[in-house]
N, C-alpha and C. Protein backbone atom coordinates (compact mmCIF):
# COMPACT_ATOMS: atom_id res chain seq x y z
N MET A 1 -126.11 13.82 21.06
CA MET A 1 -124.74 13.34 21.09
C MET A 1 -124.46 12.56 19.81
N SER A 2 -123.32 12.80 19.20
CA SER A 2 -122.98 12.14 17.95
C SER A 2 -122.64 10.67 18.20
N MET A 3 -122.75 9.87 17.16
CA MET A 3 -122.44 8.44 17.25
C MET A 3 -120.99 8.23 17.66
N GLU A 4 -120.10 9.08 17.16
CA GLU A 4 -118.68 8.97 17.49
C GLU A 4 -118.44 9.17 18.99
N LYS A 5 -119.09 10.18 19.56
CA LYS A 5 -118.94 10.44 20.99
C LYS A 5 -119.51 9.29 21.82
N MET A 6 -120.65 8.74 21.37
CA MET A 6 -121.24 7.61 22.10
C MET A 6 -120.32 6.41 22.06
N MET A 7 -119.71 6.14 20.92
CA MET A 7 -118.80 4.99 20.79
C MET A 7 -117.57 5.18 21.68
N ARG A 8 -117.07 6.41 21.74
CA ARG A 8 -115.92 6.70 22.59
C ARG A 8 -116.27 6.45 24.06
N LYS A 9 -117.47 6.86 24.47
CA LYS A 9 -117.91 6.65 25.85
C LYS A 9 -118.03 5.16 26.15
N VAL A 10 -118.56 4.39 25.21
CA VAL A 10 -118.69 2.95 25.39
C VAL A 10 -117.32 2.32 25.56
N LYS A 11 -116.36 2.69 24.72
CA LYS A 11 -115.00 2.16 24.81
C LYS A 11 -114.38 2.50 26.16
N GLU A 12 -114.56 3.74 26.60
CA GLU A 12 -114.00 4.16 27.88
C GLU A 12 -114.65 3.42 29.03
N SER A 13 -115.95 3.17 28.95
CA SER A 13 -116.63 2.48 30.05
C SER A 13 -116.23 1.01 30.12
N LYS A 14 -115.76 0.43 29.01
CA LYS A 14 -115.33 -0.97 28.99
C LYS A 14 -113.87 -1.14 29.42
N TRP A 15 -113.15 -0.04 29.54
CA TRP A 15 -111.74 -0.12 29.91
C TRP A 15 -111.59 -0.66 31.31
N ARG A 16 -110.67 -1.60 31.49
CA ARG A 16 -110.38 -2.15 32.81
C ARG A 16 -108.95 -1.81 33.17
N ALA A 17 -108.79 -1.29 34.35
CA ALA A 17 -107.46 -0.91 34.82
C ALA A 17 -106.60 -2.16 34.97
N PRO A 18 -105.32 -2.06 34.65
CA PRO A 18 -104.41 -3.19 34.84
C PRO A 18 -104.29 -3.55 36.31
N SER A 19 -104.07 -4.82 36.58
CA SER A 19 -103.88 -5.27 37.96
C SER A 19 -102.50 -4.83 38.45
N THR A 20 -102.27 -4.94 39.76
CA THR A 20 -100.97 -4.59 40.33
C THR A 20 -99.87 -5.42 39.68
N VAL A 21 -100.12 -6.70 39.48
CA VAL A 21 -99.13 -7.59 38.86
C VAL A 21 -98.80 -7.11 37.45
N GLN A 22 -99.82 -6.75 36.69
CA GLN A 22 -99.60 -6.26 35.32
C GLN A 22 -98.83 -4.94 35.33
N LEU A 23 -99.14 -4.07 36.29
CA LEU A 23 -98.44 -2.79 36.39
C LEU A 23 -96.96 -2.99 36.72
N VAL A 24 -96.68 -3.91 37.64
CA VAL A 24 -95.29 -4.19 38.01
C VAL A 24 -94.54 -4.75 36.80
N GLN A 25 -95.17 -5.66 36.07
CA GLN A 25 -94.54 -6.21 34.86
C GLN A 25 -94.27 -5.10 33.85
N LEU A 26 -95.21 -4.19 33.72
CA LEU A 26 -95.05 -3.08 32.79
C LEU A 26 -93.84 -2.23 33.17
N LEU A 27 -93.73 -1.87 34.45
CA LEU A 27 -92.60 -1.05 34.88
C LEU A 27 -91.28 -1.81 34.78
N ASN A 28 -91.30 -3.10 35.07
CA ASN A 28 -90.07 -3.89 35.00
C ASN A 28 -89.63 -4.17 33.57
N SER A 29 -90.47 -3.83 32.59
CA SER A 29 -90.10 -4.05 31.19
C SER A 29 -89.23 -2.92 30.64
N GLY A 30 -88.92 -1.95 31.48
CA GLY A 30 -87.99 -0.89 31.08
C GLY A 30 -88.67 0.38 30.63
N GLN A 31 -87.92 1.16 29.87
CA GLN A 31 -88.35 2.49 29.42
C GLN A 31 -89.67 2.43 28.64
N ASP A 32 -89.83 1.43 27.78
CA ASP A 32 -91.06 1.33 26.99
C ASP A 32 -92.27 1.12 27.89
N GLY A 33 -92.10 0.31 28.93
CA GLY A 33 -93.19 0.06 29.87
C GLY A 33 -93.57 1.32 30.63
N ALA A 34 -92.57 2.09 31.04
CA ALA A 34 -92.82 3.35 31.74
C ALA A 34 -93.56 4.33 30.84
N LEU A 35 -93.18 4.37 29.57
CA LEU A 35 -93.87 5.26 28.62
C LEU A 35 -95.31 4.81 28.39
N GLU A 36 -95.52 3.50 28.32
CA GLU A 36 -96.87 2.96 28.15
C GLU A 36 -97.75 3.32 29.34
N LEU A 37 -97.19 3.22 30.55
CA LEU A 37 -97.93 3.59 31.76
C LEU A 37 -98.31 5.06 31.72
N LYS A 38 -97.38 5.90 31.30
CA LYS A 38 -97.66 7.34 31.21
C LYS A 38 -98.80 7.60 30.23
N LYS A 39 -98.80 6.91 29.09
CA LYS A 39 -99.87 7.07 28.11
C LYS A 39 -101.22 6.66 28.70
N LEU A 40 -101.23 5.54 29.43
CA LEU A 40 -102.47 5.09 30.07
C LEU A 40 -102.99 6.11 31.07
N MET A 41 -102.07 6.68 31.84
CA MET A 41 -102.47 7.66 32.85
C MET A 41 -102.99 8.94 32.21
N LYS A 42 -102.42 9.33 31.09
CA LYS A 42 -102.89 10.53 30.38
C LYS A 42 -104.26 10.25 29.74
N LYS A 43 -104.44 9.04 29.23
CA LYS A 43 -105.69 8.67 28.57
C LYS A 43 -106.84 8.52 29.58
N HIS A 44 -106.50 8.09 30.80
CA HIS A 44 -107.50 7.87 31.85
C HIS A 44 -107.10 8.69 33.08
N PRO A 45 -107.30 10.01 33.02
CA PRO A 45 -106.79 10.90 34.07
C PRO A 45 -107.38 10.66 35.47
N LYS A 46 -108.54 10.06 35.56
CA LYS A 46 -109.14 9.79 36.87
C LYS A 46 -108.58 8.52 37.52
N TRP A 47 -107.91 7.71 36.72
CA TRP A 47 -107.35 6.45 37.21
C TRP A 47 -106.08 6.69 38.00
N LYS A 48 -105.96 6.03 39.15
CA LYS A 48 -104.75 6.10 39.96
C LYS A 48 -104.17 4.70 40.02
N PRO A 49 -103.00 4.49 39.41
CA PRO A 49 -102.39 3.16 39.40
C PRO A 49 -102.23 2.60 40.81
N ASP A 50 -102.54 1.33 40.96
CA ASP A 50 -102.49 0.67 42.26
C ASP A 50 -101.26 -0.23 42.34
N PHE A 51 -100.26 0.25 43.07
CA PHE A 51 -99.03 -0.50 43.29
C PHE A 51 -98.91 -0.91 44.76
N ARG A 52 -100.04 -0.98 45.48
CA ARG A 52 -100.00 -1.30 46.90
C ARG A 52 -99.26 -2.61 47.14
N GLY A 53 -98.24 -2.53 48.02
CA GLY A 53 -97.49 -3.72 48.39
C GLY A 53 -96.61 -4.30 47.29
N ALA A 54 -96.47 -3.62 46.18
CA ALA A 54 -95.69 -4.13 45.05
C ALA A 54 -94.20 -4.20 45.38
N ASP A 55 -93.52 -5.19 44.82
CA ASP A 55 -92.08 -5.34 45.00
C ASP A 55 -91.38 -4.74 43.78
N LEU A 56 -90.85 -3.54 43.96
CA LEU A 56 -90.15 -2.84 42.89
C LEU A 56 -88.71 -2.54 43.29
N ARG A 57 -88.16 -3.38 44.17
CA ARG A 57 -86.79 -3.13 44.63
C ARG A 57 -85.82 -3.25 43.45
N GLU A 58 -84.83 -2.35 43.48
CA GLU A 58 -83.79 -2.28 42.45
C GLU A 58 -84.34 -1.96 41.06
N ALA A 59 -85.59 -1.53 40.95
CA ALA A 59 -86.19 -1.24 39.65
C ALA A 59 -85.57 0.02 39.03
N TYR A 60 -85.48 0.02 37.73
CA TYR A 60 -84.96 1.15 36.97
C TYR A 60 -86.16 1.97 36.52
N LEU A 61 -86.45 3.04 37.26
CA LEU A 61 -87.66 3.82 37.03
C LEU A 61 -87.35 5.30 36.78
N ILE A 62 -86.29 5.55 36.06
CA ILE A 62 -85.88 6.92 35.79
C ILE A 62 -86.98 7.65 35.01
N GLU A 63 -87.35 8.84 35.53
CA GLU A 63 -88.35 9.71 34.93
C GLU A 63 -89.72 9.06 34.76
N VAL A 64 -90.02 8.06 35.56
CA VAL A 64 -91.32 7.41 35.48
C VAL A 64 -92.40 8.37 35.97
N TYR A 65 -93.58 8.27 35.41
CA TYR A 65 -94.71 9.15 35.74
C TYR A 65 -95.68 8.37 36.62
N LEU A 66 -95.66 8.64 37.93
CA LEU A 66 -96.53 7.95 38.88
C LEU A 66 -97.32 8.96 39.71
N LYS A 67 -97.71 10.04 39.10
CA LYS A 67 -98.46 11.08 39.78
C LYS A 67 -99.74 10.50 40.37
N SER A 68 -99.95 10.73 41.67
CA SER A 68 -101.14 10.29 42.41
C SER A 68 -101.29 8.78 42.51
N ALA A 69 -100.26 8.02 42.18
CA ALA A 69 -100.34 6.56 42.26
C ALA A 69 -100.37 6.10 43.72
N ASP A 70 -100.95 4.93 43.95
CA ASP A 70 -100.97 4.34 45.29
C ASP A 70 -99.83 3.34 45.39
N LEU A 71 -98.79 3.73 46.11
CA LEU A 71 -97.62 2.88 46.33
C LEU A 71 -97.49 2.54 47.82
N SER A 72 -98.60 2.59 48.54
CA SER A 72 -98.56 2.31 49.97
C SER A 72 -98.06 0.89 50.21
N GLY A 73 -97.11 0.76 51.13
CA GLY A 73 -96.55 -0.55 51.46
C GLY A 73 -95.66 -1.15 50.39
N ALA A 74 -95.41 -0.43 49.31
CA ALA A 74 -94.55 -0.95 48.23
C ALA A 74 -93.09 -0.98 48.69
N VAL A 75 -92.33 -1.91 48.13
CA VAL A 75 -90.90 -2.01 48.43
C VAL A 75 -90.14 -1.47 47.22
N LEU A 76 -89.48 -0.34 47.43
CA LEU A 76 -88.72 0.33 46.37
C LEU A 76 -87.25 0.46 46.74
N SER A 77 -86.79 -0.35 47.67
CA SER A 77 -85.39 -0.27 48.13
C SER A 77 -84.43 -0.38 46.96
N GLY A 78 -83.51 0.57 46.90
CA GLY A 78 -82.49 0.54 45.86
C GLY A 78 -82.98 0.89 44.47
N ALA A 79 -84.24 1.26 44.33
CA ALA A 79 -84.77 1.62 43.01
C ALA A 79 -84.17 2.95 42.55
N ASP A 80 -84.09 3.13 41.25
CA ASP A 80 -83.59 4.37 40.67
C ASP A 80 -84.77 5.16 40.13
N LEU A 81 -85.17 6.18 40.88
CA LEU A 81 -86.32 7.01 40.53
C LEU A 81 -85.88 8.44 40.20
N ARG A 82 -84.70 8.58 39.63
CA ARG A 82 -84.22 9.92 39.26
C ARG A 82 -85.22 10.60 38.32
N GLY A 83 -85.60 11.83 38.68
CA GLY A 83 -86.49 12.61 37.83
C GLY A 83 -87.92 12.10 37.76
N ALA A 84 -88.29 11.16 38.61
CA ALA A 84 -89.64 10.60 38.59
C ALA A 84 -90.66 11.62 39.09
N ASP A 85 -91.88 11.52 38.59
CA ASP A 85 -92.97 12.37 39.08
C ASP A 85 -93.86 11.52 39.98
N LEU A 86 -93.72 11.73 41.29
CA LEU A 86 -94.52 11.03 42.30
C LEU A 86 -95.37 12.04 43.06
N SER A 87 -95.67 13.16 42.43
CA SER A 87 -96.44 14.19 43.12
C SER A 87 -97.82 13.65 43.48
N GLY A 88 -98.20 13.90 44.73
CA GLY A 88 -99.50 13.45 45.21
C GLY A 88 -99.62 11.96 45.41
N ALA A 89 -98.52 11.22 45.27
CA ALA A 89 -98.56 9.76 45.42
C ALA A 89 -98.72 9.37 46.88
N ASN A 90 -99.35 8.22 47.11
CA ASN A 90 -99.47 7.67 48.45
C ASN A 90 -98.34 6.66 48.63
N LEU A 91 -97.33 7.04 49.41
CA LEU A 91 -96.19 6.19 49.70
C LEU A 91 -96.17 5.82 51.18
N SER A 92 -97.33 5.86 51.82
CA SER A 92 -97.38 5.55 53.25
C SER A 92 -96.96 4.10 53.48
N GLY A 93 -96.06 3.92 54.44
CA GLY A 93 -95.57 2.58 54.76
C GLY A 93 -94.66 1.97 53.71
N ALA A 94 -94.29 2.73 52.70
CA ALA A 94 -93.41 2.22 51.64
C ALA A 94 -91.98 2.11 52.16
N VAL A 95 -91.24 1.17 51.60
CA VAL A 95 -89.83 0.98 51.95
C VAL A 95 -89.00 1.55 50.80
N LEU A 96 -88.31 2.66 51.09
CA LEU A 96 -87.52 3.37 50.09
C LEU A 96 -86.06 3.45 50.52
N ARG A 97 -85.59 2.46 51.28
CA ARG A 97 -84.21 2.46 51.77
C ARG A 97 -83.23 2.46 50.60
N GLY A 98 -82.32 3.44 50.63
CA GLY A 98 -81.29 3.50 49.60
C GLY A 98 -81.80 3.84 48.21
N THR A 99 -83.01 4.34 48.12
CA THR A 99 -83.59 4.68 46.83
C THR A 99 -82.99 5.99 46.30
N VAL A 100 -82.75 6.04 45.00
CA VAL A 100 -82.21 7.24 44.35
C VAL A 100 -83.40 8.05 43.84
N LEU A 101 -83.61 9.22 44.45
CA LEU A 101 -84.72 10.10 44.09
C LEU A 101 -84.20 11.48 43.68
N ILE A 102 -83.04 11.51 43.07
CA ILE A 102 -82.42 12.77 42.66
C ILE A 102 -83.32 13.47 41.64
N GLY A 103 -83.69 14.71 41.95
CA GLY A 103 -84.52 15.49 41.04
C GLY A 103 -85.96 15.00 40.92
N ALA A 104 -86.38 14.09 41.77
CA ALA A 104 -87.75 13.58 41.72
C ALA A 104 -88.73 14.61 42.27
N VAL A 105 -89.97 14.52 41.83
CA VAL A 105 -91.03 15.40 42.32
C VAL A 105 -91.94 14.57 43.22
N LEU A 106 -91.93 14.92 44.51
CA LEU A 106 -92.78 14.26 45.50
C LEU A 106 -93.64 15.29 46.21
N ALA A 107 -93.95 16.37 45.54
CA ALA A 107 -94.79 17.42 46.13
C ALA A 107 -96.13 16.84 46.54
N GLU A 108 -96.54 17.14 47.77
CA GLU A 108 -97.83 16.69 48.31
C GLU A 108 -97.92 15.17 48.46
N ALA A 109 -96.80 14.45 48.37
CA ALA A 109 -96.82 12.99 48.54
C ALA A 109 -97.01 12.64 50.01
N ASN A 110 -97.67 11.51 50.26
CA ASN A 110 -97.87 11.02 51.62
C ASN A 110 -96.79 9.99 51.91
N LEU A 111 -95.85 10.36 52.79
CA LEU A 111 -94.74 9.48 53.17
C LEU A 111 -94.86 9.05 54.63
N THR A 112 -96.07 9.05 55.17
CA THR A 112 -96.32 8.64 56.54
C THR A 112 -95.83 7.20 56.74
N ASP A 113 -95.06 6.98 57.80
CA ASP A 113 -94.53 5.65 58.14
C ASP A 113 -93.60 5.06 57.08
N ALA A 114 -93.18 5.84 56.10
CA ALA A 114 -92.27 5.33 55.06
C ALA A 114 -90.86 5.24 55.62
N ASP A 115 -90.08 4.31 55.09
CA ASP A 115 -88.67 4.17 55.48
C ASP A 115 -87.81 4.69 54.33
N LEU A 116 -87.27 5.90 54.53
CA LEU A 116 -86.42 6.54 53.52
C LEU A 116 -84.95 6.50 53.93
N SER A 117 -84.59 5.63 54.85
CA SER A 117 -83.21 5.57 55.34
C SER A 117 -82.23 5.48 54.18
N ARG A 118 -81.20 6.34 54.22
CA ARG A 118 -80.12 6.40 53.24
C ARG A 118 -80.60 6.70 51.81
N ALA A 119 -81.80 7.24 51.66
CA ALA A 119 -82.28 7.63 50.33
C ALA A 119 -81.56 8.90 49.89
N ASN A 120 -81.42 9.07 48.59
CA ASN A 120 -80.79 10.27 48.05
C ASN A 120 -81.87 11.16 47.45
N LEU A 121 -82.17 12.26 48.15
CA LEU A 121 -83.20 13.20 47.72
C LEU A 121 -82.61 14.51 47.21
N THR A 122 -81.40 14.45 46.69
CA THR A 122 -80.76 15.64 46.14
C THR A 122 -81.65 16.28 45.08
N ASP A 123 -81.87 17.59 45.22
CA ASP A 123 -82.67 18.37 44.27
C ASP A 123 -84.12 17.90 44.14
N ALA A 124 -84.61 17.10 45.06
CA ALA A 124 -86.00 16.62 44.99
C ALA A 124 -86.96 17.73 45.41
N ASP A 125 -88.15 17.72 44.85
CA ASP A 125 -89.21 18.66 45.22
C ASP A 125 -90.16 17.95 46.16
N LEU A 126 -90.11 18.32 47.44
CA LEU A 126 -90.92 17.69 48.48
C LEU A 126 -91.88 18.70 49.11
N GLN A 127 -92.24 19.72 48.37
CA GLN A 127 -93.13 20.76 48.91
C GLN A 127 -94.45 20.14 49.37
N GLY A 128 -94.78 20.37 50.63
CA GLY A 128 -96.06 19.91 51.16
C GLY A 128 -96.15 18.41 51.41
N ALA A 129 -95.05 17.69 51.27
CA ALA A 129 -95.07 16.24 51.52
C ALA A 129 -95.30 15.98 53.01
N ILE A 130 -95.88 14.84 53.32
CA ILE A 130 -96.19 14.47 54.70
C ILE A 130 -95.21 13.40 55.15
N PHE A 131 -94.47 13.68 56.23
CA PHE A 131 -93.43 12.79 56.74
C PHE A 131 -93.74 12.22 58.12
N SER A 132 -94.95 12.26 58.59
CA SER A 132 -95.27 11.79 59.94
C SER A 132 -94.80 10.35 60.13
N LYS A 133 -94.05 10.14 61.20
CA LYS A 133 -93.52 8.82 61.59
C LYS A 133 -92.61 8.19 60.52
N ALA A 134 -92.11 8.99 59.59
CA ALA A 134 -91.20 8.46 58.56
C ALA A 134 -89.80 8.29 59.14
N LYS A 135 -89.07 7.32 58.62
CA LYS A 135 -87.68 7.10 59.01
C LYS A 135 -86.81 7.74 57.94
N VAL A 136 -86.03 8.74 58.34
CA VAL A 136 -85.20 9.46 57.38
C VAL A 136 -83.74 9.51 57.83
N CYS A 137 -83.28 8.44 58.46
CA CYS A 137 -81.88 8.38 58.92
C CYS A 137 -80.94 8.29 57.73
N GLY A 138 -79.93 9.15 57.73
CA GLY A 138 -78.91 9.11 56.69
C GLY A 138 -79.36 9.60 55.34
N VAL A 139 -80.50 10.28 55.27
CA VAL A 139 -81.01 10.78 53.99
C VAL A 139 -80.17 11.96 53.52
N ASN A 140 -79.92 12.03 52.23
CA ASN A 140 -79.24 13.17 51.62
C ASN A 140 -80.31 14.11 51.08
N TRP A 141 -80.47 15.27 51.74
CA TRP A 141 -81.47 16.27 51.36
C TRP A 141 -80.82 17.41 50.59
N TRP A 142 -79.64 17.24 50.05
CA TRP A 142 -78.88 18.31 49.41
C TRP A 142 -79.75 19.06 48.40
N CYS A 143 -79.98 20.34 48.63
CA CYS A 143 -80.76 21.22 47.75
C CYS A 143 -82.21 20.75 47.53
N ALA A 144 -82.71 19.89 48.39
CA ALA A 144 -84.10 19.45 48.28
C ALA A 144 -85.03 20.57 48.73
N ASN A 145 -86.16 20.69 48.09
CA ASN A 145 -87.15 21.70 48.46
C ASN A 145 -88.15 21.04 49.41
N ILE A 146 -88.02 21.35 50.70
CA ILE A 146 -88.91 20.76 51.70
C ILE A 146 -89.83 21.83 52.31
N ALA A 147 -90.09 22.87 51.55
CA ALA A 147 -90.98 23.93 52.02
C ALA A 147 -92.37 23.36 52.30
N HIS A 148 -92.91 23.73 53.43
CA HIS A 148 -94.26 23.34 53.84
C HIS A 148 -94.44 21.84 54.03
N ALA A 149 -93.33 21.11 54.18
CA ALA A 149 -93.43 19.68 54.48
C ALA A 149 -94.04 19.53 55.87
N LYS A 150 -94.79 18.47 56.08
CA LYS A 150 -95.46 18.25 57.35
C LYS A 150 -94.88 17.04 58.06
N GLY A 151 -94.87 17.09 59.39
CA GLY A 151 -94.39 15.96 60.17
C GLY A 151 -92.88 15.84 60.21
N MET A 152 -92.17 16.95 60.02
CA MET A 152 -90.71 16.90 60.00
C MET A 152 -90.08 17.26 61.35
N ARG A 153 -90.88 17.46 62.38
CA ARG A 153 -90.30 17.71 63.69
C ARG A 153 -89.67 16.42 64.18
N ARG A 154 -88.63 16.53 64.96
CA ARG A 154 -87.91 15.35 65.45
C ARG A 154 -88.86 14.36 66.11
N ALA A 155 -89.88 14.85 66.80
CA ALA A 155 -90.82 13.96 67.48
C ALA A 155 -91.74 13.23 66.50
N ASP A 156 -91.90 13.78 65.30
CA ASP A 156 -92.80 13.18 64.33
C ASP A 156 -92.12 12.22 63.36
N ALA A 157 -90.87 12.47 63.07
CA ALA A 157 -90.12 11.65 62.12
C ALA A 157 -88.79 11.27 62.75
N GLU A 158 -88.31 10.10 62.43
CA GLU A 158 -87.02 9.64 62.95
C GLU A 158 -85.93 10.25 62.07
N ILE A 159 -85.40 11.39 62.52
CA ILE A 159 -84.39 12.11 61.74
C ILE A 159 -83.04 11.97 62.43
N CYS A 160 -82.08 11.35 61.77
CA CYS A 160 -80.73 11.24 62.32
C CYS A 160 -79.73 11.17 61.18
N MET A 161 -78.56 11.73 61.40
CA MET A 161 -77.48 11.70 60.41
C MET A 161 -77.95 12.12 59.02
N ALA A 162 -78.83 13.11 58.96
CA ALA A 162 -79.34 13.58 57.69
C ALA A 162 -78.59 14.84 57.26
N THR A 163 -78.42 15.02 55.97
CA THR A 163 -77.75 16.19 55.42
C THR A 163 -78.80 17.12 54.83
N PHE A 164 -78.92 18.33 55.41
CA PHE A 164 -79.91 19.30 54.95
C PHE A 164 -79.27 20.49 54.24
N ILE A 165 -78.06 20.38 53.77
CA ILE A 165 -77.34 21.50 53.19
C ILE A 165 -78.11 22.12 52.02
N ALA A 166 -78.31 23.41 52.11
CA ALA A 166 -78.96 24.23 51.07
C ALA A 166 -80.42 23.90 50.83
N SER A 167 -81.05 23.12 51.71
CA SER A 167 -82.48 22.85 51.57
C SER A 167 -83.26 24.05 52.06
N LEU A 168 -84.44 24.24 51.51
CA LEU A 168 -85.27 25.33 51.99
C LEU A 168 -85.75 25.00 53.39
N GLU A 169 -85.93 26.02 54.18
CA GLU A 169 -86.42 25.82 55.53
C GLU A 169 -87.84 25.25 55.46
N PHE A 170 -88.10 24.22 56.25
CA PHE A 170 -89.43 23.62 56.22
C PHE A 170 -90.32 24.23 57.28
N VAL A 171 -91.61 24.19 57.01
CA VAL A 171 -92.60 24.72 57.94
C VAL A 171 -93.50 23.57 58.31
N ASP A 172 -93.71 23.37 59.60
CA ASP A 172 -94.55 22.26 60.05
C ASP A 172 -95.94 22.73 60.38
């Protein structure tokens, strides 16, 4: 192994993931913070950002890259996540009331016990997402792709006053 490769491995092994507090500060710093987070995630592909229980309500997170991130129990009420990539993210128990998720990618995301009441999921990609025990009252599903979503039976998720116009038929 060359000296350069060894030095790169040493640098990578010394890297410490940012704390939840640091990650929240990064996202709350705006577009530059979101871009910095994306760079970190690309540089450390095995790392999954830990936002468990984080307070991100009303946050401006347009097109943020949070693929496979742990957002379980996070509060994202009123956040703007238009075009965000949350594919494979753990959003179990998260509060997403009134969140704007227009065009967001939540394919294979875990939304078990999440509160999505009055969220806007227009044009969102929710293929294979898990909705067991999720609250989806008043959700706008306009043109959302919910193919192969799990836990969407009335007995599994609290579905009321939801708009499913032009959404793909889901399979449970």
